Amino acid sequence: MKEAKFTQIENTFSMVCRVEINIHANADVIWTLLTDAKNFPRWNSTISGIDGQIREGERLRIHVPGTNRTFKPRVLDVVANNSMTWSDGFAPIFKGSRTFVLSPWDDGSINFIMEEHFRGLIFGMVKGMLPDFRPIFESYAGDLKREAERVYVMRT
């Protein structure tokens, strides 16, 4: 898989957006990028800044280009070099959870999966105001792939 593969499933009270891409770098390189809040905007075009530290239990303040809105997820379920979740909101009203998973392939590369699940009673009313997630997710995955492979080549 050279390019990002995006899927979206939507119903009345929920939506799941998912992107996956194969990255020719080891999990440590990718994980370091995903957990370095200060340097995120240097390689990720979908984020203009992250305040806080990306570690278990921390509350982040994420700034994205083109909006004044600040997202404030909590970092949960961290398994180093493997997976973590950023979650915000209150079920059953409205909750958003973004999960990152790194899965090794037999050839030594890593399959990166980022999945966002929106759900709740209010989702049906706000879903028309949400952006098209395809370009955002594809850019995020592509940016991560380019930077991880660049760093990996430099280290080897």
Protein backbone atom coordinates (compact mmCIF):
# COMPACT_ATOMS: atom_id res chain seq x y z
CA MET A 1 0.00 0.00 0.00
CA LYS A 2 1.83 3.11 -1.25
CA GLU A 3 -0.94 5.66 -0.87
CA ALA A 4 -3.29 6.24 2.02
CA LYS A 5 -6.50 4.22 1.94
CA PHE A 6 -9.48 6.12 3.40
CA THR A 7 -12.85 4.68 4.42
CA GLN A 8 -15.88 6.28 6.06
CA ILE A 9 -18.99 4.66 7.53
CA GLU A 10 -21.85 6.85 8.70
CA ASN A 11 -25.27 6.35 10.22
CA THR A 12 -27.72 8.53 12.14
CA PHE A 13 -25.83 8.70 15.44
CA SER A 14 -22.24 7.86 14.52
CA MET A 15 -19.49 8.06 11.94
CA VAL A 16 -16.18 6.24 11.65
CA CYS A 17 -13.38 7.64 9.48
CA ARG A 18 -10.29 5.51 8.94
CA VAL A 19 -7.04 5.90 7.06
CA GLU A 20 -4.24 3.41 6.71
CA ILE A 21 -0.89 3.51 5.00
CA ASN A 22 2.22 1.34 4.89
CA ILE A 23 5.34 3.08 6.20
CA HIS A 24 8.87 1.81 5.54
CA ALA A 25 10.28 2.71 8.94
CA ASN A 26 10.36 1.01 12.30
CA ALA A 27 7.72 1.55 14.97
CA ASP A 28 10.12 3.52 17.19
CA VAL A 29 10.62 6.21 14.52
CA ILE A 30 6.88 6.51 13.87
CA TRP A 31 6.00 6.50 17.57
CA THR A 32 8.54 9.23 18.30
CA LEU A 33 6.89 11.45 15.67
CA LEU A 34 3.38 10.69 16.98
CA THR A 35 4.28 11.53 20.57
CA ASP A 36 6.43 14.65 20.08
CA ALA A 37 3.84 17.41 20.52
CA LYS A 38 6.30 20.27 20.13
CA ASN A 39 7.50 19.15 16.67
CA PHE A 40 4.14 17.95 15.30
CA PRO A 41 3.52 21.08 13.17
CA ARG A 42 6.96 20.71 11.58
CA TRP A 43 5.93 17.56 9.71
CA ASN A 44 2.10 17.47 9.94
CA SER A 45 0.25 19.92 7.67
CA THR A 46 -3.09 19.23 9.41
CA ILE A 47 -1.97 20.56 12.81
CA SER A 48 -0.64 24.04 13.51
CA GLY A 49 0.19 23.38 17.17
CA ILE A 50 -0.23 21.06 20.14
CA ASP A 51 -0.02 22.31 23.71
CA GLY A 52 0.69 19.64 26.30
CA GLN A 53 2.55 16.34 26.31
CA ILE A 54 1.35 13.31 24.41
CA ARG A 55 1.35 10.74 27.20
CA GLU A 56 -1.17 8.71 29.19
CA GLY A 57 -3.79 10.78 30.99
CA GLU A 58 -2.71 14.16 29.61
CA ARG A 59 -5.18 16.68 28.16
CA LEU A 60 -3.95 18.22 24.90
CA ARG A 61 -4.89 21.48 23.18
CA ILE A 62 -4.75 20.89 19.44
CA HIS A 63 -4.81 23.78 16.98
CA VAL A 64 -5.63 23.17 13.31
CA PRO A 65 -5.06 25.44 10.31
CA GLY A 66 -8.03 27.44 9.06
CA THR A 67 -10.05 27.50 12.29
CA ASN A 68 -9.93 29.19 15.67
CA ARG A 69 -11.38 26.11 17.33
CA THR A 70 -9.18 24.24 19.79
CA PHE A 71 -9.66 20.51 20.28
CA LYS A 72 -8.98 19.24 23.80
CA PRO A 73 -8.69 15.45 23.81
CA ARG A 74 -7.31 13.34 26.64
CA VAL A 75 -4.60 10.80 25.78
CA LEU A 76 -5.67 7.28 26.80
CA ASP A 77 -4.76 3.61 26.41
CA VAL A 78 -1.12 4.25 25.50
CA VAL A 79 0.92 1.19 24.53
CA ALA A 80 4.33 2.46 23.44
CA ASN A 81 5.27 1.75 19.80
CA ASN A 82 1.82 0.20 19.30
CA SER A 83 -1.30 2.26 19.97
CA MET A 84 -2.99 5.16 21.74
CA THR A 85 -6.32 7.00 21.76
CA TRP A 86 -7.18 10.70 21.93
CA SER A 87 -10.72 11.15 23.25
CA ASP A 88 -13.01 14.08 24.04
CA GLY A 89 -16.69 14.63 24.78
CA PHE A 90 -19.35 12.89 26.83
CA ALA A 91 -21.27 9.79 25.75
CA PRO A 92 -24.16 9.50 25.05
CA ILE A 93 -24.38 13.21 24.11
CA PHE A 94 -21.35 13.54 21.80
CA LYS A 95 -17.97 11.82 21.92
CA GLY A 96 -15.05 11.71 19.54
CA SER A 97 -12.21 9.22 19.82
CA ARG A 98 -9.16 9.02 17.56
CA THR A 99 -7.13 5.83 17.75
CA PHE A 100 -3.64 5.33 16.34
CA VAL A 101 -2.36 1.79 15.72
CA LEU A 102 1.05 0.62 14.46
CA SER A 103 1.05 -2.96 13.11
CA PRO A 104 4.28 -4.57 11.91
CA TRP A 105 4.30 -6.35 8.55
CA ASP A 106 6.51 -9.31 7.67
CA ASP A 107 8.75 -7.14 5.45
CA GLY A 108 9.71 -4.95 8.43
CA SER A 109 7.46 -2.05 7.49
CA ILE A 110 4.62 -0.73 9.64
CA ASN A 111 0.94 -0.46 8.77
CA PHE A 112 -0.28 2.81 10.29
CA ILE A 113 -4.00 3.07 11.05
CA MET A 114 -5.74 6.18 12.32
CA GLU A 115 -9.45 5.85 13.06
CA GLU A 116 -11.82 8.49 14.38
CA HIS A 117 -15.19 7.51 15.82
CA PHE A 118 -17.81 10.21 16.40
CA ARG A 119 -20.96 9.16 18.21
CA GLY A 120 -23.81 10.50 20.29
CA LEU A 121 -27.30 11.89 20.26
CA ILE A 122 -26.15 15.30 19.01
CA PHE A 123 -24.14 13.78 16.14
CA GLY A 124 -27.22 13.65 13.91
CA MET A 125 -27.64 17.41 14.28
CA VAL A 126 -24.00 18.40 13.79
CA LYS A 127 -22.83 15.95 11.12
CA GLY A 128 -23.72 18.39 8.34
CA MET A 129 -21.31 20.93 9.86
CA LEU A 130 -18.36 18.54 9.93
CA PRO A 131 -15.65 18.88 7.27
CA ASP A 132 -14.82 16.31 4.60
CA PHE A 133 -12.38 14.12 6.53
CA ARG A 134 -10.88 12.35 3.48
CA PRO A 135 -8.33 15.06 2.54
CA ILE A 136 -7.47 15.71 6.20
CA PHE A 137 -6.86 12.04 6.98
CA GLU A 138 -5.01 11.37 3.72
CA SER A 139 -2.74 14.38 4.35
CA TYR A 140 -2.08 13.27 7.94
CA ALA A 141 -1.10 9.74 6.87
CA GLY A 142 0.96 10.97 3.90
CA ASP A 143 2.79 13.54 6.04
CA LEU A 144 3.60 10.88 8.65
CA LYS A 145 4.83 8.44 5.99
CA ARG A 146 7.12 11.01 4.34
CA GLU A 147 8.64 12.19 7.62
CA ALA A 148 9.04 8.72 9.16
CA GLU A 149 10.70 7.34 6.04
CA ARG A 150 12.98 10.40 5.82
CA VAL A 151 14.04 10.03 9.48
CA TYR A 152 14.46 6.25 9.14
CA VAL A 153 16.74 6.59 6.10
CA MET A 154 18.83 9.19 7.93
CA ARG A 155 19.29 6.84 10.90
CA THR A 156 20.28 3.78 8.85
